[in-house]
């Protein structure tokens, strides 16, 4: 039997990155991968609707339903574990990933960040803020990064990066769209495919390509 990578995709909003992953799996460009669940911290996330349209279990675990952040974190982890997944994919997920989750899934959580890490990343850099900062600094090239998640913010081993040109007259909104289209929606599915096909490993805190025959 072929090994199937079971993934849970965590989302907070519209789910455009989720859609890119679904599309690439359906097209067959991402192989050996099955989305076991889409989980959102926001009941009204359109991403949940996208999941339902593709018959993927769609679940909401909202911090509003729990007395403390700790309770919410435990419940979120329990929910992810209930789907018996191999990889947790953060696709526009605004929840701060708790230590208990990082410990439960070491080098098995990936995140997409809309800049070329280490630029414009870390605490406070999310969503449009990243693009505002890039434009303010006047950089000529930005992009997106897919990385494994560790204890820090945007500090885990980098899997893939793709550069995107900044154009004269760009607004944060225009730039955000271009980074999504040209980078995020391409490298997120690619990273999942690499993992599903056993093509990468983490060594000394860095991601390396491995030959499948090699003993890792």
Protein backbone atom coordinates (compact mmCIF):
# COMPACT_ATOMS: atom_id res chain seq x y z
CA UNK A 1 0.00 0.00 0.00
CA UNK A 2 1.20 3.48 -0.87
CA UNK A 3 1.81 5.68 2.14
CA UNK A 4 -0.74 8.48 2.28
CA UNK A 5 0.24 11.64 4.13
CA UNK A 6 -2.76 12.68 6.18
CA UNK A 7 -2.87 16.41 6.82
CA UNK A 8 -4.94 18.78 8.92
CA UNK A 9 -5.15 22.29 7.53
CA UNK A 10 -5.60 25.08 10.10
CA UNK A 11 -7.22 28.26 8.85
CA UNK A 12 -8.68 31.47 10.22
CA UNK A 13 -10.24 33.17 7.23
CA UNK A 14 -11.03 32.87 3.55
CA UNK A 15 -8.87 29.84 2.92
CA UNK A 16 -7.22 30.77 -0.39
CA UNK A 17 -4.11 28.77 0.54
CA UNK A 18 -6.35 25.85 1.47
CA UNK A 19 -8.00 26.13 -1.95
CA UNK A 20 -4.59 26.03 -3.65
CA UNK A 21 -3.76 22.82 -1.75
CA UNK A 22 -7.13 21.23 -2.61
CA UNK A 23 -6.72 22.17 -6.30
CA UNK A 24 -3.20 20.73 -6.57
CA UNK A 25 -4.25 17.48 -4.86
CA UNK A 26 -7.21 17.17 -7.23
CA UNK A 27 -4.99 17.91 -10.24
CA UNK A 28 -2.51 15.30 -9.10
CA UNK A 29 0.45 17.68 -8.81
CA UNK A 30 0.47 16.98 -5.06
CA UNK A 31 0.56 13.22 -4.59
CA UNK A 32 0.16 10.73 -1.74
CA UNK A 33 -1.71 13.36 0.25
CA UNK A 34 -5.13 13.41 1.82
CA UNK A 35 -6.69 16.31 3.73
CA UNK A 36 -8.14 14.59 6.79
CA UNK A 37 -9.65 17.77 8.26
CA UNK A 38 -9.87 21.53 7.99
CA UNK A 39 -9.92 23.18 11.40
CA UNK A 40 -10.67 26.83 12.08
CA UNK A 41 -10.65 29.00 15.19
CA UNK A 42 -13.33 31.12 13.56
CA UNK A 43 -16.87 29.79 13.03
CA UNK A 44 -17.45 32.14 10.11
CA UNK A 45 -14.27 31.32 8.18
CA UNK A 46 -15.14 30.78 4.52
CA UNK A 47 -12.39 28.14 4.51
CA UNK A 48 -14.80 25.79 6.36
CA UNK A 49 -17.28 26.17 3.50
CA UNK A 50 -14.51 25.38 0.98
CA UNK A 51 -13.78 22.18 2.91
CA UNK A 52 -17.44 21.15 2.93
CA UNK A 53 -17.69 21.69 -0.82
CA UNK A 54 -14.93 19.10 -1.24
CA UNK A 55 -16.36 16.67 1.34
CA UNK A 56 -13.52 17.32 3.79
CA UNK A 57 -14.44 17.29 7.50
CA UNK A 58 -14.72 20.93 8.60
CA UNK A 59 -14.39 21.70 12.29
CA UNK A 60 -14.36 24.83 14.39
CA UNK A 61 -12.51 25.05 17.69
CA UNK A 62 -13.05 28.59 18.94
CA UNK A 63 -11.20 30.18 21.86
CA UNK A 64 -14.51 31.90 22.68
CA UNK A 65 -15.90 28.54 23.81
CA UNK A 66 -13.24 28.02 26.47
CA UNK A 67 -12.54 29.73 29.76
CA UNK A 68 -8.79 29.92 29.32
CA UNK A 69 -6.29 29.92 26.49
CA UNK A 70 -4.79 26.77 27.98
CA UNK A 71 -8.11 24.92 27.73
CA UNK A 72 -8.50 26.06 24.13
CA UNK A 73 -4.96 24.93 23.26
CA UNK A 74 -5.57 21.49 24.77
CA UNK A 75 -8.87 21.12 22.95
CA UNK A 76 -7.34 22.21 19.64
CA UNK A 77 -4.54 19.67 20.00
CA UNK A 78 -7.00 16.94 20.97
CA UNK A 79 -9.12 17.73 17.92
CA UNK A 80 -6.12 17.56 15.58
CA UNK A 81 -4.98 14.28 17.15
CA UNK A 82 -8.46 12.79 16.75
CA UNK A 83 -7.96 12.85 12.97
CA UNK A 84 -4.71 10.90 13.28
CA UNK A 85 -2.74 13.24 11.01
CA UNK A 86 0.92 13.11 9.98
CA UNK A 87 1.30 16.81 9.23
CA UNK A 88 -0.34 20.01 10.42
CA UNK A 89 -0.51 22.76 7.79
CA UNK A 90 -1.01 26.36 8.90
CA UNK A 91 -2.62 28.10 5.95
CA UNK A 92 -3.49 31.61 7.07
CA UNK A 93 -3.97 30.51 10.65
CA UNK A 94 -3.82 33.39 13.12
CA UNK A 95 -3.70 31.25 16.23
CA UNK A 96 -0.39 31.33 18.09
CA UNK A 97 0.69 27.70 18.01
CA UNK A 98 1.15 26.56 21.61
CA UNK A 99 4.24 24.73 22.85
CA UNK A 100 2.18 21.59 23.56
CA UNK A 101 1.35 21.36 19.87
CA UNK A 102 4.94 21.93 18.70
CA UNK A 103 6.04 19.20 21.10
CA UNK A 104 3.35 16.81 19.87
CA UNK A 105 4.31 17.40 16.21
CA UNK A 106 8.07 18.10 16.02
CA UNK A 107 8.98 19.09 12.44
CA UNK A 108 5.47 18.06 11.48
CA UNK A 109 3.86 21.50 11.43
CA UNK A 110 4.41 23.78 8.47
CA UNK A 111 3.50 27.43 8.03
CA UNK A 112 3.41 29.89 5.15
CA UNK A 113 4.71 33.40 5.79
CA UNK A 114 4.28 36.20 3.22
CA UNK A 115 7.90 37.42 3.12
CA UNK A 116 11.38 36.09 2.51
CA UNK A 117 12.34 35.09 6.04
CA UNK A 118 14.34 36.48 7.90
CA UNK A 119 12.95 39.77 6.52
CA UNK A 120 9.66 41.11 7.90
CA UNK A 121 8.87 38.19 10.16
CA UNK A 122 8.49 37.46 13.85
CA UNK A 123 6.07 38.85 16.39
CA UNK A 124 3.65 41.41 15.00
CA UNK A 125 4.34 40.64 11.35
CA UNK A 126 1.21 39.04 9.90
CA UNK A 127 -1.27 39.71 7.12
CA UNK A 128 -1.09 43.15 5.55
CA UNK A 129 1.40 44.34 8.16
CA UNK A 130 4.12 42.32 6.43
CA UNK A 131 3.47 44.01 3.07
CA UNK A 132 3.17 47.47 4.63
CA UNK A 133 6.59 46.97 6.21
CA UNK A 134 8.16 45.79 2.95
CA UNK A 135 6.82 48.81 1.05
CA UNK A 136 7.84 51.17 3.82
CA UNK A 137 11.38 49.82 3.77
CA UNK A 138 11.51 50.15 -0.01
CA UNK A 139 12.71 46.63 -0.76
CA UNK A 140 12.60 45.69 -4.45
CA UNK A 141 11.91 42.00 -3.90
CA UNK A 142 9.67 40.26 -1.41
CA UNK A 143 8.06 36.81 -1.53
CA UNK A 144 6.87 33.95 0.63
CA UNK A 145 8.43 31.25 2.79
CA UNK A 146 7.20 27.81 3.85
CA UNK A 147 8.88 26.62 7.03
CA UNK A 148 8.58 24.08 9.77
CA UNK A 149 7.21 25.48 13.03
CA UNK A 150 9.30 25.46 16.18
CA UNK A 151 9.02 27.27 19.52
CA UNK A 152 9.78 30.69 18.05
CA UNK A 153 7.79 32.91 15.70
CA UNK A 154 8.80 32.26 12.07
CA UNK A 155 12.11 30.76 13.23
CA UNK A 156 11.78 27.11 12.17
CA UNK A 157 13.73 25.39 9.36
CA UNK A 158 12.94 26.83 5.91
CA UNK A 159 11.52 24.42 3.33
CA UNK A 160 10.87 26.61 0.27
CA UNK A 161 11.02 30.28 -0.66
CA UNK A 162 9.87 32.14 -3.74
CA UNK A 163 10.69 35.70 -4.66
CA UNK A 164 8.14 38.22 -5.93
CA UNK A 165 8.99 41.56 -7.51
CA UNK A 166 7.68 44.77 -5.99
CA UNK A 167 6.34 47.19 -8.57
CA UNK A 168 6.03 50.94 -8.61
CA UNK A 169 2.66 52.04 -7.26
CA UNK A 170 2.09 48.86 -5.25
CA UNK A 171 -0.24 49.19 -2.27
CA UNK A 172 -0.10 46.62 0.56
CA UNK A 173 -3.31 45.07 -0.81
CA UNK A 174 -2.00 44.77 -4.38
CA UNK A 175 1.28 43.35 -3.14
CA UNK A 176 -0.51 40.87 -0.87
CA UNK A 177 -2.47 39.53 -3.85
CA UNK A 178 0.66 39.21 -6.01
CA UNK A 179 2.59 37.40 -3.26
CA UNK A 180 -0.32 34.98 -2.82
CA UNK A 181 -0.73 34.28 -6.53
CA UNK A 182 2.92 34.12 -7.52
CA UNK A 183 4.40 32.55 -4.40
CA UNK A 184 2.14 31.30 -1.59
CA UNK A 185 -0.29 29.30 -3.70
CA UNK A 186 2.64 27.62 -5.46
CA UNK A 187 5.13 26.79 -2.70
CA UNK A 188 2.66 25.62 -0.05
CA UNK A 189 1.38 22.71 -2.18
CA UNK A 190 4.97 22.02 -3.35
CA UNK A 191 6.21 21.72 0.23
CA UNK A 192 3.41 19.29 1.09
CA UNK A 193 4.27 17.18 -1.96
CA UNK A 194 7.96 17.06 -0.94
CA UNK A 195 7.00 15.89 2.55
CA UNK A 196 4.41 13.39 1.30
CA UNK A 197 6.99 11.83 -0.98
CA UNK A 198 9.73 11.64 1.63
CA UNK A 199 12.01 14.01 -0.24
CA UNK A 200 13.12 16.24 2.62
CA UNK A 201 14.56 15.84 6.09
CA UNK A 202 15.62 18.22 8.82
CA UNK A 203 19.28 18.01 9.79
CA UNK A 204 21.06 20.40 12.17
CA UNK A 205 18.09 22.75 12.03
CA UNK A 206 18.11 22.95 8.23
CA UNK A 207 15.95 21.30 5.59
CA UNK A 208 17.85 19.07 3.19
CA UNK A 209 16.73 17.15 0.14
CA UNK A 210 17.11 13.41 0.58
CA UNK A 211 17.33 10.60 -1.85
CA UNK A 212 14.52 8.19 -1.03
CA UNK A 213 16.93 5.24 -1.02
CA UNK A 214 19.17 6.93 1.49
CA UNK A 215 18.73 5.90 5.07
CA UNK A 216 17.41 8.83 7.04
